[in-house]
Amino acid sequence: MSDYIEDDNLKPSVRKQFFRRRKSCPFSGQNAMKIDYKDTRTLSKFVSERGKMMPSRITAVSIKKQRILAVAVRRARFLALMPYVNG
């Protein structure tokens, strides 16, 4: 038995491989953004609408820069530049 309907007009479905483009870290390389706790506009791109840090698998931030980014977000929150929770 086959997985598809046998008909002269229908060909068996061939599954194409999904190609995922490799993401690059936005904080490394030339012309990269700098991580600064005073730059809340840049930091808010990496924080969800609920105020939680977005995971690096979504934002493509490297592990080393993700730690530095987390410290910057914590500092900005402590100094009341950013909210802890967005209602």
C-alpha atoms as a PDB file:
ATOM      1  CA  MET A   1       0.000   0.000   0.000  1.00  0.00           C
ATOM      2  CA  SER A   2       1.206   3.483  -0.719  1.00  0.00           C
ATOM      3  CA  ASP A   3       0.796   6.711   1.204  1.00  0.00           C
ATOM      4  CA  TYR A   4      -0.841   8.587  -1.653  1.00  0.00           C
ATOM      5  CA  ILE A   5      -3.820   8.091  -3.914  1.00  0.00           C
ATOM      6  CA  GLU A   6      -2.775   6.350  -7.067  1.00  0.00           C
ATOM      7  CA  ASP A   7      -4.000   8.325 -10.015  1.00  0.00           C
ATOM      8  CA  ASP A   8      -2.451   9.152 -13.342  1.00  0.00           C
ATOM      9  CA  ASN A   9      -2.774  12.897 -12.753  1.00  0.00           C
ATOM     10  CA  LEU A  10      -1.443  12.932  -9.205  1.00  0.00           C
ATOM     11  CA  LYS A  11       2.249  12.527  -8.501  1.00  0.00           C
ATOM     12  CA  PRO A  12       3.564  11.404  -5.125  1.00  0.00           C
ATOM     13  CA  SER A  13       4.321  14.331  -2.883  1.00  0.00           C
ATOM     14  CA  VAL A  14       8.001  14.836  -2.371  1.00  0.00           C
ATOM     15  CA  ARG A  15       8.783  16.686   0.808  1.00  0.00           C
ATOM     16  CA  LYS A  16      11.217  19.544   0.263  1.00  0.00           C
ATOM     17  CA  GLN A  17      13.781  20.210   2.928  1.00  0.00           C
ATOM     18  CA  PHE A  18      13.169  23.366   4.900  1.00  0.00           C
ATOM     19  CA  PHE A  19      16.073  25.787   4.571  1.00  0.00           C
ATOM     20  CA  ARG A  20      16.568  28.021   7.585  1.00  0.00           C
ATOM     21  CA  ARG A  21      18.832  31.012   7.161  1.00  0.00           C
ATOM     22  CA  ARG A  22      21.393  31.265   9.916  1.00  0.00           C
ATOM     23  CA  LYS A  23      20.666  34.280  12.122  1.00  0.00           C
ATOM     24  CA  SER A  24      23.516  36.539  13.115  1.00  0.00           C
ATOM     25  CA  CYS A  25      23.866  38.360  16.398  1.00  0.00           C
ATOM     26  CA  PRO A  26      22.822  42.024  16.117  1.00  0.00           C
ATOM     27  CA  PHE A  27      25.447  43.040  18.712  1.00  0.00           C
ATOM     28  CA  SER A  28      28.521  41.513  17.063  1.00  0.00           C
ATOM     29  CA  GLY A  29      30.345  42.428  13.883  1.00  0.00           C
ATOM     30  CA  GLN A  30      30.897  45.743  12.179  1.00  0.00           C
ATOM     31  CA  ASN A  31      28.313  48.502  12.580  1.00  0.00           C
ATOM     32  CA  ALA A  32      26.755  46.580  15.465  1.00  0.00           C
ATOM     33  CA  MET A  33      24.538  48.148  18.092  1.00  0.00           C
ATOM     34  CA  LYS A  34      26.080  48.799  21.491  1.00  0.00           C
ATOM     35  CA  ILE A  35      24.447  47.431  24.619  1.00  0.00           C
ATOM     36  CA  ASP A  36      23.861  50.338  26.989  1.00  0.00           C
ATOM     37  CA  TYR A  37      21.421  50.439  29.901  1.00  0.00           C
ATOM     38  CA  LYS A  38      20.580  54.082  29.084  1.00  0.00           C
ATOM     39  CA  ASP A  39      19.439  53.218  25.549  1.00  0.00           C
ATOM     40  CA  THR A  40      15.942  52.020  26.384  1.00  0.00           C
ATOM     41  CA  ARG A  41      14.768  52.065  22.766  1.00  0.00           C
ATOM     42  CA  THR A  42      17.305  49.374  21.834  1.00  0.00           C
ATOM     43  CA  LEU A  43      16.655  47.388  25.003  1.00  0.00           C
ATOM     44  CA  SER A  44      12.899  47.404  24.459  1.00  0.00           C
ATOM     45  CA  LYS A  45      13.359  45.498  21.172  1.00  0.00           C
ATOM     46  CA  PHE A  46      14.587  42.533  23.210  1.00  0.00           C
ATOM     47  CA  VAL A  47      11.870  42.675  25.863  1.00  0.00           C
ATOM     48  CA  SER A  48       8.378  41.291  25.241  1.00  0.00           C
ATOM     49  CA  GLU A  49       5.235  43.385  25.536  1.00  0.00           C
ATOM     50  CA  ARG A  50       4.703  41.837  28.972  1.00  0.00           C
ATOM     51  CA  GLY A  51       8.136  43.004  30.119  1.00  0.00           C
ATOM     52  CA  LYS A  52       9.956  39.659  29.937  1.00  0.00           C
ATOM     53  CA  MET A  53      13.275  39.111  28.204  1.00  0.00           C
ATOM     54  CA  MET A  54      12.863  37.483  24.794  1.00  0.00           C
ATOM     55  CA  PRO A  55      14.825  34.238  24.354  1.00  0.00           C
ATOM     56  CA  SER A  56      17.974  34.284  22.253  1.00  0.00           C
ATOM     57  CA  ARG A  57      16.573  31.677  19.849  1.00  0.00           C
ATOM     58  CA  ILE A  58      14.039  34.300  18.730  1.00  0.00           C
ATOM     59  CA  THR A  59      16.196  37.419  18.867  1.00  0.00           C
ATOM     60  CA  ALA A  60      19.362  35.671  17.547  1.00  0.00           C
ATOM     61  CA  VAL A  61      21.533  37.246  20.244  1.00  0.00           C
ATOM     62  CA  SER A  62      24.642  35.240  21.094  1.00  0.00           C
ATOM     63  CA  ILE A  63      24.973  33.658  24.546  1.00  0.00           C
ATOM     64  CA  LYS A  64      27.652  36.072  25.699  1.00  0.00           C
ATOM     65  CA  LYS A  65      25.758  39.151  24.528  1.00  0.00           C
ATOM     66  CA  GLN A  66      22.474  37.797  25.956  1.00  0.00           C
ATOM     67  CA  ARG A  67      24.004  37.863  29.446  1.00  0.00           C
ATOM     68  CA  ILE A  68      25.259  41.422  28.957  1.00  0.00           C
ATOM     69  CA  LEU A  69      21.841  42.412  27.596  1.00  0.00           C
ATOM     70  CA  ALA A  70      20.114  40.926  30.652  1.00  0.00           C
ATOM     71  CA  VAL A  71      22.334  42.948  32.983  1.00  0.00           C
ATOM     72  CA  ALA A  72      21.586  46.126  31.008  1.00  0.00           C
ATOM     73  CA  VAL A  73      17.831  45.491  31.197  1.00  0.00           C
ATOM     74  CA  ARG A  74      18.064  44.885  34.949  1.00  0.00           C
ATOM     75  CA  ARG A  75      19.985  48.144  35.435  1.00  0.00           C
ATOM     76  CA  ALA A  76      17.482  50.098  33.341  1.00  0.00           C
ATOM     77  CA  ARG A  77      14.620  48.649  35.370  1.00  0.00           C
ATOM     78  CA  PHE A  78      16.338  49.398  38.676  1.00  0.00           C
ATOM     79  CA  LEU A  79      16.931  53.018  37.640  1.00  0.00           C
ATOM     80  CA  ALA A  80      13.286  53.321  36.509  1.00  0.00           C
ATOM     81  CA  LEU A  81      14.232  53.834  32.858  1.00  0.00           C
ATOM     82  CA  MET A  82      12.181  50.759  31.910  1.00  0.00           C
ATOM     83  CA  PRO A  83       9.146  49.210  33.601  1.00  0.00           C
ATOM     84  CA  TYR A  84       9.353  45.814  35.266  1.00  0.00           C
ATOM     85  CA  VAL A  85       5.939  44.813  33.922  1.00  0.00           C
ATOM     86  CA  ASN A  86       3.952  46.265  31.060  1.00  0.00           C
ATOM     87  CA  GLY A  87       0.423  45.877  32.416  1.00  0.00           C
END
